[in-house]
Every structure is written in C-alpha cells, then in structure tokens.
Amino acid sequence: MSGENFRAIQAFLAVARERSFTRAAAQMGVSQSALSHTIRALEERLELRLLTRTTRSVAPTEAGERLIQKVAPRFEAITGELAAFEELRDKPAGVVRIAASDFAVHTMLWPTLSRLQPQYPDVKMELAIAPGLSDIASGRFDAGVRLGDQIAKGMTAVRLAPDIRMVIVGAPSYLQGRAVPRTPSELTGHACIKLRFSEAGEVYAWKLKKGRQSVQVRVDGAWTFNSIYLAIDAALAGFGLAYVPEALVRPHIQGGRLQAMLQDWCPAVSGLHIFFASQRQSSPALSLVVEALRYRR
C-alpha cells in the first residue's frame, strides 16, 4: 500500500467514525477542505463511493461499511504496533558501560545503580574499574567518571558529588621513632605510598595548599599502586604515608589505626563527575543513569 493510500484510508476511517468532516478534520489537524479532497481522491482511485454526504450528515455507503469492517481492525493493529515502537524508543533499555576508578565505583556507582537497575530490567549495567585516565571513546564506553578537573574539554559533564577533602595519614607503627612532618618539605624524608593512575603516566604529585600557598610534592617510597584502597591498606600495614580522600580513612583515624597530619595543608579537590561525548548522543538508558547519580545539593 502506498503512503498516499494509507493516509487516505486513515482519513476515511476518521470521518466514518465521527460522522462529520468537521470533527474528523479537527481531530487530524487538517482543514475540512483538505480532508474532503483526500476522501474524493481515494474514491476516484477505488472507483467506488465510500461516503454518502448530505448537508446535515455523513454516512458510509455499502462499500464504505465493507472497507470499515475489513480494514479498520488491521489499521488499529498497525497503529498500536507503531505506538509500541515509539514507546520502546523512549523506554530505557540496553547496556550502559561506564569506566571509573574503584573509589567512584565503591562510593557512588554501585550503591546507587544497584538500587536503580532492578526497577528497569531492560537496562544492563557494565562497570569497568579503570584507574587511569582512559579514553572512553576508544574503550567503547558510554561514559566515564573522574574528578572534575580531570575531564577533557568538549565533554558533557554532570557533577555526582561535592568536593572531596584529602588527608595525609600514617599508621602508628610507621610513625614510631619518626618525626611527624610539620611542613610539606618534610615529606621528602618519609616513605610515601604513591599512586599512578595510568600505565604510561607520571606518579601522582601531592597537591597541597594552605591559604594562598600551593605546592606540589613529588614524594618517593617503595610502593606504587593504581588503587586508593590498596594505598590505604599499605598505610594501615605501616609501609608509609598515604594521601587519600578523608572520608575513606575517617573510621581508621577515629579508631587510632591511622594518624592524620598536615591537615591545614590538605585541600578539597573537585568532586566526581560523570562525563560523555555529547548530551545529544545520550540514550534513554544513559540519561536515566545520569539523572539517578546527579548531585543534588
């Protein structure tokens, strides 16, 4: 069936159902004259009269009644299926792949998305722990999660969490017999647990700030990790000082297992953000995830 005939039969069924060109035209959003022209053209192609028109009413002819009985149910089925496809297009479904650090996965993504996914069984989640500043496009990820100041220009970014306060910590077993550092320069005399966030990247410098003074300390030590959690484990085991998010070690500080130091030099860093190539390219499933994770003050 041509598109012209499909639309014409839709118009005929609307008129037959409403028994009025005026009401059918209003329902279809066309002029009465355009609708009348469409019906006449259909009758000419079929060489059959489908409607009986009077000044007061419109009624289907015998041929029109047969067309209604034979075609109307099929049109309703087609219309219903098309509506279902439109609903499917807007319904969250498919796989959402996110690359993030273990810190982001444990503190943000898993707690939130493990509650969200059962509500949307057609959405599947893939969380990949990628401690480095990986390229989400080459990795075919839908999105990534990083600190706000680590996101490349041109990406759409949505904040997930407030700024993160950092802290330098060490275990009593490590500090025994050693002087607690009082200034950033004194860190160079300590075994420090280092972090490297990409295979080819540099060891993460400890960025410290006090008032208007800012310094970057290139620390040294025997252990380097690409996981904040492993750095904390090493600090607890007495292998050196670690520079980590304060929220993760607060229970250890309160329990006396770690000691915080240089706290007036430890700044807050930009909080976690989810980022992706373009808002226009985001799927309903990704939009659902972003909205669930979005930081609300």
Protein backbone atom coordinates (compact mmCIF):
# COMPACT_ATOMS: atom_id res chain seq x y z
CA MET A 1 0.00 0.00 0.00
CA SER A 2 1.32 3.41 -0.93
CA GLY A 3 1.75 6.07 1.70
CA GLU A 4 -0.91 8.14 -0.04
CA ASN A 5 -3.50 5.36 0.20
CA PHE A 6 -2.55 4.64 3.82
CA ARG A 7 -3.18 8.25 4.82
CA ALA A 8 -6.35 8.41 2.77
CA ILE A 9 -7.84 5.33 4.43
CA GLN A 10 -6.92 6.77 7.83
CA ALA A 11 -8.81 9.92 6.83
CA PHE A 12 -11.82 7.91 5.65
CA LEU A 13 -11.96 5.91 8.90
CA ALA A 14 -11.82 9.12 10.93
CA VAL A 15 -14.75 10.63 9.01
CA ALA A 16 -16.76 7.40 9.22
CA ARG A 17 -16.13 7.15 12.95
CA GLU A 18 -17.00 10.79 13.68
CA ARG A 19 -19.81 11.01 11.10
CA SER A 20 -18.53 14.52 10.47
CA PHE A 21 -15.90 16.11 8.26
CA THR A 22 -15.61 18.99 10.72
CA ARG A 23 -14.86 16.83 13.76
CA ALA A 24 -12.58 14.47 11.81
CA ALA A 25 -10.60 17.40 10.39
CA ALA A 26 -10.12 18.88 13.86
CA GLN A 27 -9.03 15.51 15.20
CA MET A 28 -6.47 15.03 12.42
CA GLY A 29 -5.25 18.62 12.49
CA VAL A 30 -6.10 19.39 8.85
CA SER A 31 -8.56 21.67 7.13
CA GLN A 32 -12.02 20.43 6.25
CA SER A 33 -11.46 21.13 2.56
CA ALA A 34 -8.16 19.19 2.54
CA LEU A 35 -9.85 16.23 4.22
CA SER A 36 -12.72 16.30 1.72
CA HIS A 37 -10.23 16.38 -1.16
CA THR A 38 -8.37 13.36 0.28
CA ILE A 39 -11.59 11.29 0.51
CA ARG A 40 -12.66 12.20 -3.04
CA ALA A 41 -9.24 11.23 -4.39
CA LEU A 42 -9.48 7.84 -2.61
CA GLU A 43 -12.95 7.22 -4.05
CA GLU A 44 -11.68 8.06 -7.53
CA ARG A 45 -8.78 5.63 -7.24
CA LEU A 46 -11.07 2.85 -5.95
CA GLU A 47 -13.87 3.85 -8.39
CA LEU A 48 -16.29 3.40 -5.51
CA ARG A 49 -18.41 5.77 -3.46
CA LEU A 50 -17.43 5.35 0.21
CA LEU A 51 -19.47 8.09 1.89
CA THR A 52 -22.94 9.46 1.46
CA ARG A 53 -22.89 13.19 2.09
CA THR A 54 -25.84 15.41 2.91
CA THR A 55 -25.96 18.93 4.26
CA ARG A 56 -26.55 17.56 7.76
CA SER A 57 -24.77 14.21 7.94
CA VAL A 58 -22.15 11.86 6.57
CA ALA A 59 -22.59 8.08 6.47
CA PRO A 60 -20.65 5.21 4.90
CA THR A 61 -22.05 3.53 1.80
CA GLU A 62 -22.23 -0.25 1.49
CA ALA A 63 -18.71 -0.22 0.07
CA GLY A 64 -17.64 2.10 2.84
CA GLU A 65 -19.07 -0.24 5.51
CA ARG A 66 -17.21 -3.18 3.96
CA LEU A 67 -13.98 -1.19 3.97
CA ILE A 68 -14.53 -0.34 7.64
CA GLN A 69 -15.15 -3.98 8.60
CA LYS A 70 -12.21 -5.38 6.64
CA VAL A 71 -9.59 -2.65 7.04
CA ALA A 72 -10.30 -0.85 10.34
CA PRO A 73 -9.13 -3.75 12.59
CA ARG A 74 -5.89 -4.02 10.63
CA PHE A 75 -5.29 -0.29 10.87
CA GLU A 76 -5.86 -0.39 14.61
CA ALA A 77 -3.31 -3.20 14.91
CA ILE A 78 -0.77 -1.30 12.81
CA THR A 79 -1.33 1.90 14.78
CA GLY A 80 -0.94 0.02 18.05
CA GLU A 81 2.33 -1.58 16.94
CA LEU A 82 3.71 1.77 15.80
CA ALA A 83 2.80 3.29 19.17
CA ALA A 84 4.58 0.40 20.89
CA PHE A 85 7.71 1.07 18.84
CA GLU A 86 7.60 4.75 19.81
CA GLU A 87 7.27 3.75 23.45
CA LEU A 88 10.23 1.36 23.07
CA ARG A 89 12.31 4.17 21.57
CA ASP A 90 11.75 6.33 24.65
CA LYS A 91 11.96 3.48 27.16
CA PRO A 92 15.29 2.98 28.92
CA ALA A 93 16.85 -0.22 27.57
CA GLY A 94 20.21 -1.62 26.54
CA VAL A 95 23.68 -1.74 28.07
CA VAL A 96 25.28 1.26 29.80
CA ARG A 97 29.08 0.87 30.02
CA ILE A 98 30.90 3.14 32.47
CA ALA A 99 34.64 3.37 33.14
CA ALA A 100 35.51 4.62 36.63
CA SER A 101 38.02 4.32 39.44
CA ASP A 102 37.46 1.79 42.20
CA PHE A 103 36.81 4.76 44.51
CA ALA A 104 33.98 6.00 42.27
CA VAL A 105 32.53 2.51 41.81
CA HIS A 106 32.50 1.72 45.53
CA THR A 107 31.33 5.09 46.84
CA MET A 108 28.94 6.27 44.11
CA LEU A 109 28.11 3.93 41.23
CA TRP A 110 27.45 0.60 42.90
CA PRO A 111 25.39 1.94 45.86
CA THR A 112 23.12 3.94 43.54
CA LEU A 113 22.90 1.75 40.44
CA SER A 114 22.39 -1.50 42.35
CA ARG A 115 19.15 0.03 43.65
CA LEU A 116 18.17 1.53 40.29
CA GLN A 117 18.70 -1.42 37.92
CA PRO A 118 16.04 -3.77 39.36
CA GLN A 119 13.46 -1.09 38.60
CA TYR A 120 14.47 -1.15 34.90
CA PRO A 121 15.07 -4.80 33.95
CA ASP A 122 15.71 -3.88 30.29
CA VAL A 123 18.75 -1.82 31.31
CA LYS A 124 22.01 -3.70 31.82
CA MET A 125 24.96 -2.14 33.64
CA GLU A 126 28.65 -2.70 32.97
CA LEU A 127 31.04 -1.04 35.42
CA ALA A 128 34.71 -1.26 34.48
CA ILE A 129 37.33 -0.25 37.05
CA ALA A 130 39.73 1.90 35.06
CA PRO A 131 42.01 3.79 37.45
CA GLY A 132 43.78 5.56 34.61
CA LEU A 133 42.50 8.50 32.60
CA SER A 134 41.25 6.13 29.91
CA ASP A 135 39.73 7.26 26.61
CA ILE A 136 36.08 6.31 26.86
CA ALA A 137 35.60 6.53 23.08
CA SER A 138 38.37 4.05 22.21
CA GLY A 139 37.18 1.78 25.01
CA ARG A 140 33.61 1.99 23.68
CA PHE A 141 32.30 3.19 26.99
CA ASP A 142 29.13 5.25 27.17
CA ALA A 143 30.52 7.37 29.98
CA GLY A 144 33.35 7.77 32.44
CA VAL A 145 33.64 9.07 35.99
CA ARG A 146 36.52 11.31 37.08
CA LEU A 147 37.32 14.26 39.27
CA GLY A 148 36.03 17.45 37.71
CA ASP A 149 39.48 18.86 36.90
CA GLN A 150 40.46 15.67 35.03
CA ILE A 151 37.76 15.85 32.36
CA ALA A 152 38.83 16.76 28.84
CA LYS A 153 37.39 19.81 27.12
CA GLY A 154 34.42 19.20 24.85
CA MET A 155 32.87 16.58 27.09
CA THR A 156 29.49 16.98 28.73
CA ALA A 157 29.99 16.59 32.48
CA VAL A 158 27.49 16.27 35.33
CA ARG A 159 28.57 16.57 38.97
CA LEU A 160 27.93 13.48 41.08
CA ALA A 161 29.35 14.51 44.45
CA PRO A 162 30.61 17.52 46.41
CA ASP A 163 34.31 18.36 46.52
CA ILE A 164 36.50 15.74 48.17
CA ARG A 165 38.69 16.66 51.13
CA MET A 166 42.09 14.96 51.09
CA VAL A 167 44.24 13.95 54.05
CA ILE A 168 47.76 12.62 54.68
CA VAL A 169 47.78 9.62 57.01
CA GLY A 170 50.23 7.19 58.51
CA ALA A 171 49.97 4.26 60.91
CA PRO A 172 51.36 4.49 64.46
CA SER A 173 53.65 1.56 63.60
CA TYR A 174 55.20 3.60 60.78
CA LEU A 175 55.46 6.83 62.78
CA GLN A 176 57.08 5.17 65.79
CA GLY A 177 60.59 6.57 66.01
CA ARG A 178 59.98 9.02 63.16
CA ALA A 179 59.19 12.72 63.32
CA VAL A 180 55.70 13.66 62.18
CA PRO A 181 56.06 16.04 59.20
CA ARG A 182 55.14 19.63 60.03
CA THR A 183 55.69 21.16 56.57
CA PRO A 184 55.29 19.78 53.04
CA SER A 185 59.07 19.84 52.51
CA GLU A 186 59.50 17.34 55.34
CA LEU A 187 57.53 14.74 53.37
CA THR A 188 60.59 14.09 51.21
CA GLY A 189 62.24 12.42 54.18
CA HIS A 190 59.41 9.90 54.55
CA ALA A 191 58.42 6.70 52.77
CA CYS A 192 55.30 7.72 50.89
CA ILE A 193 52.82 5.44 49.15
CA LYS A 194 52.50 6.57 45.57
CA LEU A 195 49.64 6.42 43.08
CA ARG A 196 49.96 6.14 39.31
CA PHE A 197 46.64 6.49 37.50
CA SER A 198 47.73 5.37 34.04
CA GLU A 199 50.28 2.86 32.81
CA ALA A 200 52.36 5.44 30.98
CA GLY A 201 51.56 8.38 33.22
CA GLU A 202 53.57 10.02 35.95
CA VAL A 203 53.24 9.25 39.63
CA TYR A 204 50.53 11.44 41.12
CA ALA A 205 52.02 14.52 42.81
CA TRP A 206 50.63 15.50 46.19
CA LYS A 207 48.99 18.88 45.60
CA LEU A 208 48.92 20.76 48.90
CA LYS A 209 47.55 24.18 49.68
CA LYS A 210 47.48 26.48 52.71
CA GLY A 211 45.87 29.86 52.25
CA ARG A 212 47.48 31.34 49.13
CA GLN A 213 50.44 28.96 49.22
CA SER A 214 50.31 25.98 46.84
CA VAL A 215 52.94 23.28 46.43
CA GLN A 216 53.26 20.01 44.54
CA VAL A 217 55.36 17.45 46.37
CA ARG A 218 56.99 14.68 44.33
CA VAL A 219 57.03 12.03 47.02
CA ASP A 220 59.05 8.82 46.99
CA GLY A 221 58.67 5.40 48.51
CA ALA A 222 58.90 1.67 47.86
CA TRP A 223 55.25 1.12 46.93
CA THR A 224 53.20 2.41 43.99
CA PHE A 225 49.57 1.48 43.34
CA ASN A 226 46.80 2.38 40.91
CA SER A 227 44.14 1.93 43.60
CA ILE A 228 43.35 4.22 46.50
CA TYR A 229 42.12 1.24 48.51
CA LEU A 230 45.45 -0.56 48.14
CA ALA A 231 47.26 2.62 49.20
CA ILE A 232 45.12 2.73 52.35
CA ASP A 233 45.86 -0.95 53.05
CA ALA A 234 49.59 -0.25 52.71
CA ALA A 235 49.33 2.73 55.07
CA LEU A 236 47.46 0.62 57.63
CA ALA A 237 50.19 -2.00 57.35
CA GLY A 238 52.81 0.61 58.23
CA PHE A 239 54.57 0.91 54.86
CA GLY A 240 54.43 4.71 54.76
CA LEU A 241 52.30 7.81 54.45
CA ALA A 242 49.32 7.98 52.06
CA TYR A 243 47.44 10.92 50.56
CA VAL A 244 43.83 9.80 50.21
CA PRO A 245 40.20 11.00 50.50
CA GLU A 246 39.47 11.80 54.13
CA ALA A 247 36.05 10.11 54.02
CA LEU A 248 37.64 6.72 53.31
CA VAL A 249 40.01 6.80 56.28
CA ARG A 250 37.91 8.67 58.83
CA PRO A 251 36.95 5.45 60.70
CA HIS A 252 40.63 4.46 60.85
CA ILE A 253 41.60 7.90 62.19
CA GLN A 254 38.83 7.79 64.79
CA GLY A 255 39.89 4.27 65.77
CA GLY A 256 43.52 5.23 66.18
CA ARG A 257 44.72 2.96 63.37
CA LEU A 258 45.87 5.96 61.32
CA GLN A 259 47.04 9.43 62.26
CA ALA A 260 46.26 12.49 60.15
CA MET A 261 48.91 15.14 59.61
CA LEU A 262 49.46 18.42 57.76
CA GLN A 263 45.69 18.88 57.82
CA ASP A 264 45.96 22.64 57.30
CA TRP A 265 47.77 21.86 54.02
CA CYS A 266 45.23 19.33 52.74
CA PRO A 267 42.74 20.95 50.32
CA ALA A 268 39.45 19.80 48.89
CA VAL A 269 39.66 18.64 45.27
CA SER A 270 36.96 18.81 42.61
CA GLY A 271 34.30 16.17 43.18
CA LEU A 272 33.40 13.24 40.98
CA HIS A 273 31.66 13.94 37.66
CA ILE A 274 30.17 11.62 35.07
CA PHE A 275 31.09 12.65 31.53
CA PHE A 276 30.22 11.59 27.99
CA ALA A 277 30.77 12.79 24.45
CA SER A 278 27.59 14.77 23.92
CA GLN A 279 24.20 15.21 25.54
CA ARG A 280 22.61 14.82 22.10
CA GLN A 281 24.05 11.31 21.77
CA SER A 282 22.90 10.03 25.13
CA SER A 283 20.41 7.15 25.13
CA PRO A 284 17.36 6.98 27.39
CA ALA A 285 19.25 4.39 29.47
CA LEU A 286 22.29 6.64 29.91
CA SER A 287 20.05 9.62 30.70
CA LEU A 288 18.35 7.51 33.38
CA VAL A 289 21.72 6.64 34.94
CA VAL A 290 22.97 10.23 34.87
CA GLU A 291 19.79 11.53 36.48
CA ALA A 292 19.96 8.89 39.22
CA LEU A 293 23.59 9.78 40.01
CA ARG A 294 23.27 13.55 39.67
CA TYR A 295 24.45 15.52 42.72
CA ARG A 296 21.63 17.43 44.38
CA ARG A 297 22.61 19.99 46.95
